[in-house]
Amino acid sequence: MFKSNTLLAGITYEEMKQYDVRHEGNFLVFGSRGSFLLPLPRTVDFPDRMYISRPAKRNFKAFFIEDIWDITDDLRLTVGGRYDDYSDFGDNFIRELV
């Protein structure tokens, strides 16, 4: 825009996949709040019913804009914002003034 001003902007889109999820461990947890641990002699692959996480897919979209002003040789003002949108848990807007 001006010699002392810089404007930055960008967008992104991603598709992420989580697959081949495995749950391994060297101990078993018992009790309603995991109050008892039973050590195992080696690391084992737990059966499907004990998996903590399942295969999943997520879409991610984002947009950002930032404006940098060099007001003097020793003073810089940066103003910006970012919007993120995740298909599995929603969106978020962040603003900054530095």
Protein backbone atom coordinates (compact mmCIF):
# COMPACT_ATOMS: atom_id res chain seq x y z
CA MET A 1 0.00 0.00 0.00
CA PHE A 2 2.60 2.55 1.15
CA LYS A 3 6.35 2.24 1.60
CA SER A 4 5.88 2.01 5.40
CA ASN A 5 2.87 -0.36 5.21
CA THR A 6 2.67 -4.09 4.46
CA LEU A 7 -0.58 -6.04 4.03
CA LEU A 8 -0.53 -9.85 4.25
CA ALA A 9 -3.43 -12.25 3.69
CA GLY A 10 -3.90 -15.94 3.07
CA ILE A 11 -6.35 -18.83 2.98
CA THR A 12 -6.03 -22.57 3.47
CA TYR A 13 -8.14 -25.69 3.11
CA GLU A 14 -7.11 -29.15 4.34
CA GLU A 15 -8.67 -32.58 4.55
CA MET A 16 -7.14 -34.68 7.32
CA LYS A 17 -7.71 -38.38 7.88
CA GLN A 18 -6.85 -40.41 10.94
CA TYR A 19 -6.72 -44.10 10.15
CA ASP A 20 -5.08 -47.34 11.26
CA VAL A 21 -5.60 -46.36 14.90
CA ARG A 22 -4.01 -48.73 17.39
CA HIS A 23 -3.94 -48.84 21.16
CA GLU A 24 -0.86 -50.39 22.73
CA GLY A 25 0.25 -50.40 26.33
CA ASN A 26 2.30 -52.12 28.99
CA PHE A 27 -0.30 -51.88 31.76
CA LEU A 28 -4.03 -52.39 32.36
CA VAL A 29 -6.18 -49.81 34.15
CA PHE A 30 -8.94 -50.89 36.54
CA GLY A 31 -11.41 -48.99 38.69
CA SER A 32 -13.94 -46.30 37.88
CA ARG A 33 -11.24 -43.59 37.78
CA GLY A 34 -8.22 -45.67 36.85
CA SER A 35 -7.31 -46.12 40.48
CA PHE A 36 -5.54 -49.46 39.99
CA LEU A 37 -2.81 -50.28 37.44
CA LEU A 38 -1.69 -53.79 36.57
CA PRO A 39 1.78 -53.85 34.92
CA LEU A 40 2.24 -56.24 31.99
CA PRO A 41 5.51 -58.03 31.14
CA ARG A 42 5.58 -56.50 27.62
CA THR A 43 3.77 -54.04 25.37
CA VAL A 44 0.57 -55.52 23.91
CA ASP A 45 -1.92 -54.43 21.25
CA PHE A 46 -5.33 -54.08 22.91
CA PRO A 47 -8.46 -55.34 21.12
CA ASP A 48 -10.82 -53.06 19.16
CA ARG A 49 -13.22 -52.62 22.06
CA MET A 50 -10.51 -50.90 24.10
CA TYR A 51 -9.49 -48.31 21.46
CA ILE A 52 -9.51 -44.77 22.74
CA SER A 53 -9.79 -43.22 19.28
CA ARG A 54 -11.49 -44.35 16.09
CA PRO A 55 -10.61 -43.57 12.47
CA ALA A 56 -11.89 -40.08 11.66
CA LYS A 57 -11.96 -37.38 8.97
CA ARG A 58 -11.65 -33.62 9.49
CA ASN A 59 -11.94 -30.65 7.13
CA PHE A 60 -10.13 -27.44 8.04
CA LYS A 61 -10.60 -23.98 6.51
CA ALA A 62 -8.78 -20.81 7.54
CA PHE A 63 -8.35 -17.18 6.51
CA PHE A 64 -5.97 -14.59 7.90
CA ILE A 65 -5.16 -10.93 7.29
CA GLU A 66 -2.44 -8.80 8.86
CA ASP A 67 -1.46 -5.17 8.37
CA ILE A 68 1.95 -3.91 9.50
CA TRP A 69 2.66 -0.18 9.78
CA ASP A 70 6.16 1.16 10.37
CA ILE A 71 5.08 4.43 11.99
CA THR A 72 8.67 5.57 12.70
CA ASP A 73 12.06 3.85 12.51
CA ASP A 74 11.57 2.66 16.10
CA LEU A 75 7.78 2.12 16.22
CA ARG A 76 5.78 -0.60 14.44
CA LEU A 77 2.04 -1.37 14.73
CA THR A 78 0.66 -4.75 13.68
CA VAL A 79 -3.07 -5.44 13.42
CA GLY A 80 -4.46 -8.78 12.29
CA GLY A 81 -7.05 -11.47 12.55
CA ARG A 82 -7.48 -15.16 11.80
CA TYR A 83 -10.61 -17.27 11.31
CA ASP A 84 -10.40 -21.09 11.64
CA ASP A 85 -13.25 -23.53 10.96
CA TYR A 86 -12.95 -27.22 11.87
CA SER A 87 -15.67 -29.59 10.67
CA ASP A 88 -15.60 -31.64 13.88
CA PHE A 89 -15.57 -28.99 16.63
CA GLY A 90 -16.49 -25.62 15.15
CA ASP A 91 -14.92 -22.27 14.40
CA ASN A 92 -12.82 -19.64 16.11
CA PHE A 93 -11.81 -16.01 15.40
CA ILE A 94 -8.60 -14.53 16.84
CA ARG A 95 -7.62 -10.85 16.66
CA GLU A 96 -4.34 -9.26 17.56
CA LEU A 97 -2.97 -5.78 18.08
CA VAL A 98 0.76 -5.63 18.71
